[in-house]
Amino acid sequence: MKAIVVPPPPAPPIHRNADKTSTTTCPSSNHQLHLRLPLYNPNPKNLSLLPNFPHQPSPQPITPHVNKNNKEKKKKENKRRKCDTTSHILPLMDALHFPIPIDIYTSLVKECTLSGNPETAIELHTHIINSGIEPPLNLLNRILIMFVSCGLLENARHVFDKMSARNFHSWAILFVAYYENSDYDNAVDVFLGMLCQLGVVEFPFPPWIWSCFLTVCACTENVPLGMQVHGCLLKLDACDHVLVSSSLIRFYGRFKCSEDANVVFNKVSRHNTLTWTAKIVSGCKERNFSEVLGDFKEMGRVHGDAIKLGLDSDNYVQCSLIAMYGRSRLPRDAKMVFEMTRNERNVDSWNAMFMGLIQNGLYIEAVKFVYQMKEAGVQPHEPLLEKLRMACGSSTFSSMN
């Protein structure tokens, strides 16, 4: 047999540039306004209810050598590009004398919300005002979110005060903004104003907003207002919700009202880790350690009943047990339940164990656990990773994304 010699492939063409360098070329629905005010603020600090005021990058694999500065620069560049989109489109449309439709304004507001650039947010809002259009309610709500995301709370309040019509989302955006910024006095005023417009009975308020408002009452030490909220929730038959009941228990526990906290706890039809933890913390604040130990035994009895009924192999029950022990400052018991589920673990079980380590301050073990999750092909929840980074006080773990 004769050997066949295959000639090498031709080299790619090289182009000479003018600078003597070479380049190779390779082949909401409308709500009626019912003014009802069943709640009032016993300790008002503001004279008026509503005072007037003048893209995610693709996940990157973990590499041993990562330049943190370059990664931060890339994030800043991505934000700049989003801001540049607004800065380029608006002058271009103005130069062409094209009217900008509502949907384009909505897209620009979304991009500006993600970028968080305050200068671009103000520029975009000014352009919307000067255009002469009447923004619909959903666009105004998005503008509120944009200003809040950019840290322009006064601008958001200014837009809110000028809105001719408001729905639940309008009020909730401003309330949550004040709540997150620890401006509890304004949060109380906005919440009471929302009750006046929407009506307590007419509008079904979600449990989470009642929970937030109870937290506001606790932080401002406004016990009478919190008790009025409790009475209102009793009339609405909303105290059986786990989120609401746990918030009420924490509220009474903060002021060492253990009897009221126990009344709320005993009226809940089904308990979970939120209600148990709230009750235990409330008992610890009043130094009722015998009662706290009894609660721990009761929680252990629940685990024993689950084993007797053969429910300990259920993924939902396993995840709940891990979360229960983690919230109760029993990481060893949580780890024991987690190890028992070696062959039947799911994403929720992994993240419940990860959350338990963070809640108990076991940050070094939590970091090791992240790599175990990566090895098992499980992606940790981003909010938990963010909590771990904040707890460690640095961006050392930024490569865990």
Protein backbone atom coordinates (compact mmCIF):
# COMPACT_ATOMS: atom_id res chain seq x y z
CA MET A 1 0.00 0.00 0.00
CA LYS A 2 1.19 3.46 -0.84
CA ALA A 3 1.11 6.11 1.78
CA ILE A 4 -1.08 9.01 0.87
CA VAL A 5 0.41 12.31 1.84
CA VAL A 6 -2.18 14.94 2.60
CA PRO A 7 -0.90 18.46 2.11
CA PRO A 8 -1.30 20.79 5.07
CA PRO A 9 -4.26 23.17 5.02
CA PRO A 10 -3.54 26.61 3.62
CA ALA A 11 -2.67 29.25 6.13
CA PRO A 12 -5.38 31.79 6.86
CA PRO A 13 -4.94 35.03 4.96
CA ILE A 14 -3.11 37.82 6.70
CA HIS A 15 -4.26 41.35 6.13
CA ARG A 16 -1.88 44.24 6.53
CA ASN A 17 -3.35 47.30 8.19
CA ALA A 18 -2.27 50.88 7.70
CA ASP A 19 -0.51 50.95 11.08
CA LYS A 20 1.73 48.02 9.97
CA THR A 21 -0.14 45.56 12.15
CA SER A 22 -1.52 42.31 10.82
CA THR A 23 -4.80 40.56 11.45
CA THR A 24 -5.57 36.93 10.71
CA THR A 25 -9.01 36.01 9.40
CA CYS A 26 -10.24 32.57 10.38
CA PRO A 27 -12.89 30.83 8.58
CA SER A 28 -54.36 46.12 38.26
CA SER A 29 -57.76 46.51 38.31
CA ASN A 30 -59.66 49.76 39.28
CA HIS A 31 -60.79 50.02 42.92
CA GLN A 32 -63.53 52.21 44.32
CA LEU A 33 -62.34 54.75 46.83
CA HIS A 34 -64.03 54.08 50.19
CA LEU A 35 -62.67 56.36 52.88
CA ARG A 36 -62.66 54.32 56.04
CA LEU A 37 -60.20 54.72 58.84
CA PRO A 38 -60.66 52.02 61.47
CA LEU A 39 -57.06 52.52 62.61
CA TYR A 40 -55.46 55.70 63.81
CA ASN A 41 -51.94 56.50 64.97
CA PRO A 42 -51.96 57.30 68.71
CA ASN A 43 -48.48 58.82 68.43
CA PRO A 44 -48.53 60.94 65.26
CA LYS A 45 -45.23 62.61 64.51
CA ASN A 46 -46.23 64.12 61.20
CA LEU A 47 -48.92 66.80 61.11
CA SER A 48 -50.20 65.82 57.68
CA LEU A 49 -51.01 62.36 56.46
CA LEU A 50 -49.23 62.73 53.15
CA PRO A 51 -46.89 65.76 53.25
CA ASN A 52 -45.83 67.17 49.90
CA PHE A 53 -42.21 67.37 48.98
CA PRO A 54 -40.83 70.35 46.87
CA HIS A 55 -29.81 41.88 32.99
CA GLN A 56 -28.28 39.52 34.51
CA PRO A 57 -24.91 38.19 33.23
CA SER A 58 -24.59 34.55 32.32
CA PRO A 59 -23.19 32.38 35.16
CA GLN A 60 -19.40 32.11 35.06
CA PRO A 61 -17.57 28.89 35.97
CA ILE A 62 -15.37 28.91 39.04
CA THR A 63 -11.74 29.48 38.07
CA PRO A 64 -8.73 29.36 40.40
CA HIS A 65 -7.48 32.79 39.33
CA VAL A 66 -10.20 35.44 39.18
CA ASN A 67 -9.45 39.11 39.01
CA LYS A 68 -12.04 40.72 41.26
CA ASN A 69 -11.37 44.18 39.90
CA ASN A 70 -12.08 43.01 36.35
CA LYS A 71 -15.32 41.38 37.44
CA GLU A 72 -16.50 44.56 39.16
CA LYS A 73 -15.50 46.58 36.10
CA LYS A 74 -17.59 44.30 33.89
CA LYS A 75 -20.63 44.81 36.13
CA LYS A 76 -20.16 48.57 35.99
CA GLU A 77 -19.75 48.42 32.22
CA ASN A 78 -22.98 46.43 31.88
CA LYS A 79 -24.81 49.06 33.94
CA ARG A 80 -23.31 51.83 31.84
CA ARG A 81 -24.48 50.13 28.67
CA LYS A 82 -28.02 49.97 30.01
CA CYS A 83 -27.83 53.65 30.91
CA ASP A 84 -26.32 54.45 27.51
CA THR A 85 -29.36 52.85 25.88
CA THR A 86 -31.57 55.54 27.38
CA SER A 87 -29.05 58.32 26.72
CA HIS A 88 -28.77 57.32 23.06
CA ILE A 89 -32.39 56.56 22.23
CA LEU A 90 -33.91 59.75 23.61
CA PRO A 91 -31.73 62.23 21.65
CA LEU A 92 -32.07 60.09 18.52
CA MET A 93 -35.86 60.08 18.68
CA ASP A 94 -35.88 63.82 19.38
CA ALA A 95 -33.60 64.51 16.41
CA LEU A 96 -35.86 62.50 14.12
CA HIS A 97 -38.94 64.22 15.57
CA PHE A 98 -40.51 60.82 16.27
CA PRO A 99 -43.00 60.63 19.14
CA ILE A 100 -41.97 58.03 21.68
CA PRO A 101 -44.77 55.54 22.41
CA ILE A 102 -45.67 54.34 25.88
CA ASP A 103 -44.18 50.86 25.38
CA ILE A 104 -40.72 52.29 24.60
CA TYR A 105 -40.88 54.50 27.68
CA THR A 106 -41.84 51.41 29.68
CA SER A 107 -38.85 49.46 28.35
CA LEU A 108 -36.50 52.35 29.15
CA VAL A 109 -37.88 52.60 32.68
CA LYS A 110 -37.29 48.86 33.17
CA GLU A 111 -33.68 49.16 32.00
CA CYS A 112 -33.07 52.17 34.21
CA THR A 113 -34.53 50.29 37.18
CA LEU A 114 -32.04 47.47 36.65
CA SER A 115 -29.10 49.82 36.18
CA GLY A 116 -29.88 51.88 39.28
CA ASN A 117 -28.40 55.06 37.81
CA PRO A 118 -30.06 58.10 39.46
CA GLU A 119 -28.97 60.62 36.81
CA THR A 120 -30.47 58.56 34.00
CA ALA A 121 -33.66 58.07 36.02
CA ILE A 122 -34.11 61.82 36.46
CA GLU A 123 -33.32 62.44 32.78
CA LEU A 124 -35.85 59.84 31.64
CA HIS A 125 -38.58 61.13 33.94
CA THR A 126 -37.98 64.71 32.79
CA HIS A 127 -38.27 63.59 29.17
CA ILE A 128 -41.58 61.84 29.90
CA ILE A 129 -42.95 65.02 31.51
CA ASN A 130 -41.79 67.26 28.66
CA SER A 131 -43.26 64.90 26.05
CA GLY A 132 -46.76 65.95 27.09
CA ILE A 133 -48.14 62.40 27.30
CA GLU A 134 -50.32 61.24 30.16
CA PRO A 135 -48.61 58.15 31.60
CA PRO A 136 -51.01 55.35 32.49
CA LEU A 137 -51.13 54.04 36.03
CA ASN A 138 -48.92 51.02 35.35
CA LEU A 139 -46.17 53.25 33.91
CA LEU A 140 -46.38 55.59 36.90
CA ASN A 141 -45.99 52.60 39.22
CA ARG A 142 -42.90 51.54 37.27
CA ILE A 143 -41.51 55.06 37.62
CA LEU A 144 -42.01 54.77 41.38
CA ILE A 145 -40.06 51.50 41.38
CA MET A 146 -37.35 53.10 39.22
CA PHE A 147 -36.84 56.00 41.62
CA VAL A 148 -36.85 53.70 44.66
CA SER A 149 -34.32 51.35 43.02
CA CYS A 150 -32.07 54.34 42.24
CA GLY A 151 -32.22 55.60 45.82
CA LEU A 152 -34.35 58.64 44.93
CA LEU A 153 -37.05 58.26 47.57
CA GLU A 154 -37.99 61.96 47.59
CA ASN A 155 -38.49 61.88 43.81
CA ALA A 156 -40.69 58.82 44.20
CA ARG A 157 -42.75 60.63 46.85
CA HIS A 158 -43.08 63.66 44.56
CA VAL A 159 -44.43 61.47 41.74
CA PHE A 160 -46.74 59.68 44.18
CA ASP A 161 -48.22 62.93 45.50
CA LYS A 162 -49.03 64.11 41.95
CA MET A 163 -50.77 60.87 40.90
CA SER A 164 -54.45 61.48 40.25
CA ALA A 165 -55.28 57.80 40.82
CA ARG A 166 -53.51 55.18 42.90
CA ASN A 167 -53.99 51.45 43.31
CA PHE A 168 -52.63 48.97 45.84
CA HIS A 169 -49.31 48.66 44.02
CA SER A 170 -48.76 52.43 44.18
CA TRP A 171 -49.25 52.49 47.95
CA ALA A 172 -47.31 49.27 48.53
CA ILE A 173 -44.26 50.49 46.58
CA LEU A 174 -43.97 53.63 48.69
CA PHE A 175 -44.72 51.80 51.94
CA VAL A 176 -42.07 49.15 51.30
CA ALA A 177 -39.58 51.87 50.28
CA TYR A 178 -40.02 53.64 53.63
CA TYR A 179 -39.99 50.29 55.44
CA GLU A 180 -36.72 49.19 53.84
CA ASN A 181 -35.14 52.58 54.59
CA SER A 182 -36.23 52.38 58.26
CA ASP A 183 -38.34 55.52 57.86
CA TYR A 184 -41.07 54.08 60.02
CA ASP A 185 -42.99 57.30 60.70
CA ASN A 186 -43.68 57.89 57.02
CA ALA A 187 -44.36 54.16 56.61
CA VAL A 188 -47.14 54.42 59.21
CA ASP A 189 -48.65 57.45 57.48
CA VAL A 190 -48.61 55.79 54.07
CA PHE A 191 -50.13 52.57 55.41
CA LEU A 192 -52.99 54.40 57.13
CA GLY A 193 -53.58 56.42 53.97
CA MET A 194 -53.76 53.18 51.99
CA LEU A 195 -56.40 51.83 54.39
CA CYS A 196 -58.42 55.02 53.91
CA GLN A 197 -58.42 54.80 50.13
CA LEU A 198 -58.82 51.08 49.55
CA GLY A 199 -60.85 50.17 52.62
CA VAL A 200 -59.98 47.44 55.08
CA VAL A 201 -63.03 45.29 54.35
CA GLU A 202 -63.36 46.03 50.65
CA PHE A 203 -59.79 45.21 49.60
CA PRO A 204 -58.09 41.88 50.45
CA PHE A 205 -54.70 42.98 51.72
CA PRO A 206 -52.02 40.26 51.40
CA PRO A 207 -50.59 38.80 54.64
CA TRP A 208 -47.05 40.02 53.97
CA ILE A 209 -48.01 43.69 54.18
CA TRP A 210 -49.74 43.16 57.53
CA SER A 211 -46.57 41.42 58.72
CA CYS A 212 -44.43 44.37 57.61
CA PHE A 213 -46.73 46.86 59.33
CA LEU A 214 -46.61 44.90 62.59
CA THR A 215 -42.83 45.08 62.37
CA VAL A 216 -43.12 48.85 61.90
CA CYS A 217 -45.33 49.09 65.01
CA ALA A 218 -42.76 47.09 66.98
CA CYS A 219 -39.82 49.20 65.79
CA THR A 220 -41.63 52.44 66.67
CA GLU A 221 -42.80 50.93 70.00
CA ASN A 222 -46.34 51.90 69.08
CA VAL A 223 -48.16 49.26 71.12
CA PRO A 224 -51.68 50.78 70.84
CA LEU A 225 -51.49 50.86 67.05
CA GLY A 226 -50.23 47.27 66.95
CA MET A 227 -53.11 46.16 69.16
CA GLN A 228 -55.56 47.91 66.82
CA VAL A 229 -54.02 45.98 63.93
CA HIS A 230 -54.52 42.75 65.90
CA GLY A 231 -58.18 43.60 66.47
CA CYS A 232 -58.64 44.43 62.81
CA LEU A 233 -57.07 41.10 61.81
CA LEU A 234 -59.39 39.26 64.20
CA LYS A 235 -62.41 40.87 62.52
CA LEU A 236 -61.04 39.90 59.12
CA ASP A 237 -60.39 36.32 60.35
CA ALA A 238 -56.80 36.63 59.10
CA CYS A 239 -54.87 35.68 62.25
CA ASP A 240 -54.68 32.00 61.31
CA HIS A 241 -52.20 32.72 58.52
CA VAL A 242 -48.73 31.58 59.58
CA LEU A 243 -47.00 34.79 58.47
CA VAL A 244 -49.48 37.01 60.30
CA SER A 245 -49.57 34.90 63.47
CA SER A 246 -45.77 34.70 63.73
CA SER A 247 -45.56 38.49 63.30
CA LEU A 248 -48.12 38.99 66.08
CA ILE A 249 -46.17 36.65 68.37
CA ARG A 250 -42.95 38.57 67.68
CA PHE A 251 -44.77 41.87 68.27
CA TYR A 252 -46.06 40.85 71.70
CA GLY A 253 -42.79 39.11 72.54
CA ARG A 254 -40.86 42.31 71.89
CA PHE A 255 -42.80 44.02 74.68
CA LYS A 256 -42.72 40.94 76.96
CA CYS A 257 -46.43 40.25 76.66
CA SER A 258 -46.10 36.47 76.85
CA GLU A 259 -49.77 35.86 77.62
CA ASP A 260 -50.91 37.65 74.47
CA ALA A 261 -48.24 35.86 72.44
CA ASN A 262 -49.43 32.49 73.78
CA VAL A 263 -53.05 33.35 72.95
CA VAL A 264 -52.08 34.04 69.35
CA PHE A 265 -49.98 30.87 69.20
CA ASN A 266 -52.72 28.63 70.60
CA LYS A 267 -55.30 29.90 68.10
CA VAL A 268 -53.20 28.93 65.07
CA SER A 269 -54.57 25.76 63.49
CA ARG A 270 -51.29 24.62 61.89
CA HIS A 271 -47.83 25.56 63.13
CA ASN A 272 -44.53 25.68 61.29
CA THR A 273 -40.99 26.83 62.06
CA LEU A 274 -42.02 30.51 61.96
CA THR A 275 -44.59 30.23 64.74
CA TRP A 276 -42.47 27.88 66.87
CA THR A 277 -39.39 30.07 66.58
CA ALA A 278 -41.36 33.24 67.35
CA LYS A 279 -42.80 31.62 70.48
CA ILE A 280 -39.41 30.36 71.67
CA VAL A 281 -37.75 33.74 71.16
CA SER A 282 -40.62 35.41 72.98
CA GLY A 283 -40.18 33.04 75.93
CA CYS A 284 -36.42 33.64 76.05
CA LYS A 285 -36.91 37.41 76.24
CA GLU A 286 -39.02 36.96 79.37
CA ARG A 287 -36.58 34.34 80.70
CA ASN A 288 -39.31 31.69 80.80
CA PHE A 289 -36.76 28.97 80.17
CA SER A 290 -38.92 26.15 81.51
CA GLU A 291 -41.57 27.02 78.94
CA VAL A 292 -38.92 27.25 76.23
CA LEU A 293 -37.64 23.77 77.11
CA GLY A 294 -41.20 22.52 76.91
CA ASP A 295 -41.49 23.98 73.42
CA PHE A 296 -38.28 22.23 72.42
CA LYS A 297 -39.65 18.93 73.68
CA GLU A 298 -42.88 19.53 71.78
CA MET A 299 -40.91 20.13 68.60
CA GLY A 300 -38.99 16.90 69.21
CA ARG A 301 -42.29 15.08 69.71
CA VAL A 302 -43.43 16.37 66.31
CA HIS A 303 -40.30 14.86 64.78
CA GLY A 304 -40.94 11.59 66.59
CA ASP A 305 -44.52 11.45 65.35
CA ALA A 306 -43.29 12.02 61.80
CA ILE A 307 -40.93 9.05 62.14
CA LYS A 308 -43.65 6.82 63.60
CA LEU A 309 -46.02 7.68 60.76
CA GLY A 310 -43.32 6.99 58.18
CA LEU A 311 -43.37 10.60 56.99
CA ASP A 312 -39.70 11.23 57.70
CA SER A 313 -38.84 9.96 54.20
CA ASP A 314 -41.08 12.56 52.56
CA ASN A 315 -39.03 15.33 50.96
CA TYR A 316 -41.33 18.07 52.20
CA VAL A 317 -41.24 16.77 55.78
CA GLN A 318 -37.45 16.37 55.67
CA CYS A 319 -36.98 19.91 54.46
CA SER A 320 -39.34 21.23 57.14
CA LEU A 321 -37.50 19.35 59.88
CA ILE A 322 -34.13 20.69 58.74
CA ALA A 323 -35.52 24.23 58.67
CA MET A 324 -37.17 23.76 62.08
CA TYR A 325 -33.96 22.68 63.79
CA GLY A 326 -31.96 25.36 62.00
CA ARG A 327 -34.29 28.15 63.15
CA SER A 328 -34.28 26.72 66.68
CA ARG A 329 -30.48 27.00 66.99
CA LEU A 330 -30.02 23.25 66.78
CA PRO A 331 -27.64 22.84 63.82
CA ARG A 332 -26.48 19.39 64.96
CA ASP A 333 -30.01 18.02 64.84
CA ALA A 334 -30.56 19.68 61.47
CA LYS A 335 -27.39 18.05 60.16
CA MET A 336 -28.50 14.69 61.55
CA VAL A 337 -31.78 14.90 59.62
CA PHE A 338 -29.88 16.05 56.54
CA GLU A 339 -27.51 13.08 56.73
CA MET A 340 -30.48 10.72 57.02
CA THR A 341 -31.72 11.96 53.65
CA ARG A 342 -28.52 11.09 51.80
CA ASN A 343 -30.27 9.13 49.05
CA GLU A 344 -33.35 11.36 48.75
CA ARG A 345 -31.99 14.88 48.93
CA ASN A 346 -33.43 17.61 46.76
CA VAL A 347 -32.57 21.25 46.17
CA ASP A 348 -34.80 22.43 49.02
CA SER A 349 -33.10 20.15 51.55
CA TRP A 350 -29.66 21.40 50.52
CA ASN A 351 -30.68 25.04 50.77
CA ALA A 352 -32.50 24.49 54.08
CA MET A 353 -29.30 23.06 55.58
CA PHE A 354 -27.27 25.89 54.05
CA MET A 355 -29.64 28.45 55.56
CA GLY A 356 -29.42 26.75 58.97
CA LEU A 357 -25.63 27.07 59.00
CA ILE A 358 -25.84 30.78 58.17
CA GLN A 359 -28.53 31.44 60.79
CA ASN A 360 -26.36 29.86 63.48
CA GLY A 361 -23.23 31.82 62.54
CA LEU A 362 -21.33 28.78 61.24
CA TYR A 363 -19.87 30.69 58.31
CA ILE A 364 -16.77 28.54 57.74
CA GLU A 365 -18.89 25.40 57.62
CA ALA A 366 -21.32 27.23 55.35
CA VAL A 367 -18.50 28.01 52.91
CA LYS A 368 -17.45 24.36 52.87
CA PHE A 369 -21.07 23.36 52.41
CA VAL A 370 -21.33 25.58 49.31
CA TYR A 371 -18.58 23.59 47.64
CA GLN A 372 -20.34 20.36 48.62
CA MET A 373 -23.46 21.67 46.90
CA LYS A 374 -21.43 22.56 43.81
CA GLU A 375 -19.93 19.07 43.77
CA ALA A 376 -23.42 17.55 44.00
CA GLY A 377 -24.61 19.73 41.12
CA VAL A 378 -26.91 21.86 43.30
CA GLN A 379 -27.00 25.63 42.85
CA PRO A 380 -27.29 27.56 46.15
CA HIS A 381 -29.96 30.22 46.31
CA GLU A 382 -28.49 33.61 45.45
CA PRO A 383 -30.07 35.42 48.47
CA LEU A 384 -28.39 32.92 50.81
CA LEU A 385 -25.05 33.44 49.08
CA GLU A 386 -25.48 37.18 49.46
CA LYS A 387 -26.15 36.78 53.19
CA LEU A 388 -23.00 34.68 53.51
CA ARG A 389 -20.92 37.32 51.72
CA MET A 390 -22.30 40.08 53.91
CA ALA A 391 -21.69 38.03 57.06
CA CYS A 392 -18.09 37.43 56.06
CA GLY A 393 -17.65 41.15 55.48
CA SER A 394 -15.88 40.97 52.14
CA SER A 395 -16.25 39.94 48.52
CA THR A 396 -13.98 36.93 49.06
CA PHE A 397 -16.74 34.59 48.03
CA SER A 398 -17.84 36.46 44.91
CA SER A 399 -16.61 33.57 42.78
CA MET A 400 -19.36 31.34 44.17
CA ASN A 401 -21.90 32.57 41.60
